[in-house]
N, C-alpha and C. Protein backbone atom coordinates (compact mmCIF):
# COMPACT_ATOMS: atom_id res chain seq x y z
N MET A 1 0.85 -1.19 0.00
CA MET A 1 0.00 0.00 0.00
C MET A 1 0.89 1.24 0.00
N SER A 2 0.47 2.18 -0.79
CA SER A 2 1.24 3.42 -0.84
C SER A 2 0.72 4.40 0.21
N VAL A 3 1.45 5.46 0.36
CA VAL A 3 1.08 6.49 1.35
C VAL A 3 -0.25 7.13 0.97
N ILE A 4 -0.48 7.31 -0.32
CA ILE A 4 -1.72 7.92 -0.78
C ILE A 4 -2.92 7.05 -0.42
N GLU A 5 -2.77 5.74 -0.55
CA GLU A 5 -3.86 4.83 -0.20
C GLU A 5 -4.14 4.85 1.30
N ILE A 6 -3.10 4.92 2.09
CA ILE A 6 -3.29 4.95 3.55
C ILE A 6 -3.96 6.25 3.98
N VAL A 7 -3.46 7.37 3.49
CA VAL A 7 -4.06 8.67 3.85
C VAL A 7 -5.49 8.76 3.32
N GLY A 8 -5.70 8.30 2.10
CA GLY A 8 -7.06 8.29 1.54
C GLY A 8 -7.99 7.41 2.36
N GLY A 9 -7.51 6.25 2.80
CA GLY A 9 -8.33 5.37 3.63
C GLY A 9 -8.71 6.00 4.95
N ILE A 10 -7.77 6.73 5.55
CA ILE A 10 -8.07 7.42 6.81
C ILE A 10 -9.12 8.51 6.59
N ILE A 11 -8.98 9.27 5.51
CA ILE A 11 -9.96 10.32 5.21
C ILE A 11 -11.32 9.71 4.93
N ILE A 12 -11.36 8.60 4.21
CA ILE A 12 -12.63 7.93 3.91
C ILE A 12 -13.30 7.45 5.20
N MET A 13 -12.51 6.88 6.13
CA MET A 13 -13.09 6.43 7.40
C MET A 13 -13.62 7.60 8.22
N LEU A 14 -12.89 8.71 8.24
CA LEU A 14 -13.37 9.90 8.96
C LEU A 14 -14.66 10.43 8.36
N CYS A 15 -14.72 10.47 7.03
CA CYS A 15 -15.95 10.92 6.37
C CYS A 15 -17.12 10.00 6.70
N ALA A 16 -16.86 8.68 6.73
CA ALA A 16 -17.92 7.73 7.06
C ALA A 16 -18.44 7.93 8.47
N VAL A 17 -17.54 8.17 9.41
CA VAL A 17 -17.96 8.41 10.80
C VAL A 17 -18.76 9.70 10.90
N VAL A 18 -18.32 10.75 10.21
CA VAL A 18 -19.05 12.02 10.22
C VAL A 18 -20.44 11.85 9.63
N ILE A 19 -20.56 11.09 8.54
CA ILE A 19 -21.86 10.85 7.92
C ILE A 19 -22.79 10.11 8.88
N VAL A 20 -22.29 9.08 9.52
CA VAL A 20 -23.12 8.30 10.44
C VAL A 20 -23.59 9.17 11.61
N VAL A 21 -22.70 9.93 12.20
CA VAL A 21 -23.07 10.77 13.34
C VAL A 21 -24.06 11.86 12.92
N ALA A 22 -23.82 12.49 11.76
CA ALA A 22 -24.72 13.55 11.30
C ALA A 22 -26.10 13.00 10.99
N VAL A 23 -26.18 11.81 10.42
CA VAL A 23 -27.49 11.22 10.12
C VAL A 23 -28.21 10.85 11.41
N LEU A 24 -27.49 10.37 12.40
CA LEU A 24 -28.13 10.02 13.67
C LEU A 24 -28.67 11.24 14.41
N PHE A 25 -28.05 12.40 14.21
CA PHE A 25 -28.52 13.62 14.86
C PHE A 25 -29.72 14.25 14.16
N GLN A 26 -30.00 13.83 12.93
CA GLN A 26 -31.10 14.43 12.19
C GLN A 26 -32.44 13.90 12.67
N GLU A 27 -33.45 14.75 12.56
CA GLU A 27 -34.80 14.35 12.92
C GLU A 27 -35.47 13.73 11.70
N GLY A 28 -36.53 12.99 11.94
CA GLY A 28 -37.27 12.38 10.85
C GLY A 28 -38.02 13.43 10.04
N LYS A 29 -38.35 13.09 8.81
CA LYS A 29 -39.06 14.01 7.93
C LYS A 29 -40.57 13.82 8.00
N GLY A 30 -41.05 12.92 8.83
CA GLY A 30 -42.48 12.64 8.90
C GLY A 30 -43.27 13.87 9.33
N GLY A 31 -44.28 14.20 8.56
CA GLY A 31 -45.07 15.39 8.85
C GLY A 31 -46.38 15.09 9.54
N GLY A 32 -46.70 13.81 9.73
CA GLY A 32 -47.98 13.46 10.31
C GLY A 32 -48.14 13.92 11.74
N MET A 33 -47.15 13.74 12.55
CA MET A 33 -47.24 14.11 13.96
C MET A 33 -47.08 15.62 14.17
N ASN A 34 -46.45 16.29 13.24
CA ASN A 34 -46.30 17.74 13.38
C ASN A 34 -47.64 18.44 13.34
N ALA A 35 -48.57 17.94 12.56
CA ALA A 35 -49.90 18.55 12.48
C ALA A 35 -50.64 18.37 13.80
N LEU A 36 -50.44 17.26 14.46
CA LEU A 36 -51.11 17.03 15.74
C LEU A 36 -50.53 17.88 16.86
N SER A 37 -49.24 18.15 16.78
CA SER A 37 -48.60 18.90 17.86
C SER A 37 -48.76 20.41 17.67
N GLY A 38 -49.28 20.83 16.56
CA GLY A 38 -49.50 22.26 16.33
C GLY A 38 -48.32 22.95 15.68
N ALA A 39 -47.33 22.21 15.25
CA ALA A 39 -46.18 22.82 14.58
C ALA A 39 -46.60 23.31 13.21
N ASN A 40 -46.16 24.51 12.88
CA ASN A 40 -46.47 25.04 11.55
C ASN A 40 -45.31 25.86 11.04
N GLU A 41 -45.35 26.19 9.77
CA GLU A 41 -44.27 26.92 9.13
C GLU A 41 -44.34 28.42 9.40
N SER A 42 -45.41 28.89 9.99
CA SER A 42 -45.51 30.33 10.23
C SER A 42 -44.87 30.74 11.55
N SER A 43 -44.38 29.79 12.32
CA SER A 43 -43.72 30.12 13.57
C SER A 43 -42.30 30.64 13.30
N TYR A 44 -41.67 31.16 14.32
CA TYR A 44 -40.31 31.68 14.18
C TYR A 44 -39.36 30.56 13.75
N LEU A 45 -39.48 29.39 14.36
CA LEU A 45 -38.61 28.27 14.02
C LEU A 45 -38.87 27.80 12.60
N GLY A 46 -40.11 27.82 12.16
CA GLY A 46 -40.43 27.40 10.80
C GLY A 46 -39.85 28.34 9.76
N LYS A 47 -39.77 29.62 10.07
CA LYS A 47 -39.24 30.59 9.12
C LYS A 47 -37.72 30.61 9.10
N ASN A 48 -37.08 30.14 10.16
CA ASN A 48 -35.62 30.19 10.27
C ASN A 48 -35.01 28.79 10.29
N LYS A 49 -35.55 27.89 9.49
CA LYS A 49 -35.05 26.52 9.49
C LYS A 49 -33.61 26.43 9.02
N SER A 50 -33.17 27.33 8.17
CA SER A 50 -31.81 27.24 7.65
C SER A 50 -30.77 27.55 8.71
N ARG A 51 -31.17 28.07 9.83
CA ARG A 51 -30.23 28.41 10.90
C ARG A 51 -30.26 27.41 12.05
N THR A 52 -31.04 26.40 11.95
CA THR A 52 -31.19 25.45 13.05
C THR A 52 -30.13 24.35 12.98
N LEU A 53 -30.06 23.58 14.04
CA LEU A 53 -29.14 22.44 14.10
C LEU A 53 -29.50 21.42 13.03
N GLN A 54 -30.79 21.27 12.76
CA GLN A 54 -31.23 20.33 11.74
C GLN A 54 -30.66 20.68 10.37
N ALA A 55 -30.73 21.94 10.01
CA ALA A 55 -30.19 22.38 8.71
C ALA A 55 -28.68 22.21 8.67
N THR A 56 -28.02 22.45 9.79
CA THR A 56 -26.57 22.27 9.85
C THR A 56 -26.20 20.81 9.64
N MET A 57 -26.96 19.91 10.26
CA MET A 57 -26.68 18.48 10.10
C MET A 57 -26.92 18.02 8.66
N VAL A 58 -27.92 18.60 8.00
CA VAL A 58 -28.17 18.25 6.59
C VAL A 58 -26.99 18.70 5.73
N ARG A 59 -26.48 19.91 5.98
CA ARG A 59 -25.33 20.40 5.21
C ARG A 59 -24.08 19.57 5.49
N VAL A 60 -23.85 19.22 6.75
CA VAL A 60 -22.68 18.40 7.11
C VAL A 60 -22.76 17.05 6.41
N THR A 61 -23.95 16.44 6.41
CA THR A 61 -24.12 15.15 5.74
C THR A 61 -23.84 15.26 4.24
N LYS A 62 -24.35 16.31 3.64
CA LYS A 62 -24.17 16.50 2.20
C LYS A 62 -22.69 16.67 1.85
N TYR A 63 -22.00 17.54 2.56
CA TYR A 63 -20.59 17.80 2.25
C TYR A 63 -19.70 16.61 2.58
N ALA A 64 -20.00 15.89 3.66
CA ALA A 64 -19.21 14.71 4.00
C ALA A 64 -19.43 13.61 2.96
N GLY A 65 -20.64 13.50 2.46
CA GLY A 65 -20.91 12.52 1.41
C GLY A 65 -20.17 12.84 0.12
N ILE A 66 -20.15 14.12 -0.23
CA ILE A 66 -19.41 14.55 -1.42
C ILE A 66 -17.92 14.27 -1.25
N ALA A 67 -17.38 14.62 -0.08
CA ALA A 67 -15.96 14.37 0.18
C ALA A 67 -15.66 12.87 0.15
N PHE A 68 -16.55 12.06 0.67
CA PHE A 68 -16.38 10.61 0.68
C PHE A 68 -16.25 10.08 -0.75
N VAL A 69 -17.16 10.49 -1.62
CA VAL A 69 -17.15 10.01 -3.00
C VAL A 69 -15.91 10.51 -3.74
N VAL A 70 -15.58 11.79 -3.58
CA VAL A 70 -14.44 12.36 -4.29
C VAL A 70 -13.13 11.70 -3.85
N VAL A 71 -12.94 11.52 -2.56
CA VAL A 71 -11.71 10.90 -2.07
C VAL A 71 -11.64 9.44 -2.51
N THR A 72 -12.76 8.73 -2.46
CA THR A 72 -12.78 7.34 -2.89
C THR A 72 -12.39 7.22 -4.36
N LEU A 73 -12.97 8.05 -5.21
CA LEU A 73 -12.63 8.01 -6.63
C LEU A 73 -11.18 8.42 -6.87
N ALA A 74 -10.71 9.44 -6.15
CA ALA A 74 -9.33 9.89 -6.32
C ALA A 74 -8.34 8.79 -5.93
N VAL A 75 -8.57 8.14 -4.80
CA VAL A 75 -7.67 7.07 -4.36
C VAL A 75 -7.72 5.92 -5.35
N TYR A 76 -8.90 5.60 -5.86
CA TYR A 76 -9.01 4.50 -6.83
C TYR A 76 -8.22 4.81 -8.10
N PHE A 77 -8.43 5.99 -8.66
CA PHE A 77 -7.75 6.32 -9.91
C PHE A 77 -6.24 6.49 -9.73
N ILE A 78 -5.82 7.05 -8.61
CA ILE A 78 -4.40 7.22 -8.36
C ILE A 78 -3.72 5.86 -8.13
N SER A 79 -4.38 4.99 -7.37
CA SER A 79 -3.76 3.69 -7.08
C SER A 79 -3.80 2.76 -8.29
N SER A 80 -4.76 2.94 -9.20
CA SER A 80 -4.83 2.07 -10.37
C SER A 80 -3.75 2.42 -11.40
N LYS A 81 -3.23 3.64 -11.34
CA LYS A 81 -2.18 4.06 -12.26
C LYS A 81 -0.81 3.61 -11.80
N MET A 82 -0.68 3.22 -10.54
CA MET A 82 0.63 2.82 -10.01
C MET A 82 0.91 1.38 -10.30
């Protein structure tokens, strides 16, 4: 194994752990119980969803997933040329 494969593997594992943790912190998307509890989009929290922890976890998941795929492909193509 080359140094690039080892470093890439470590980055891939870190991305995988970040994805798992971020997904576990996210709330479900089910809207059925929200109607019963009185939650609506006209509240302060509904209008500022992009600033909440939920929105942050969605962004973290998205970027970690992109990094995971990019690093995996980069390590594959670099190691296949050696």
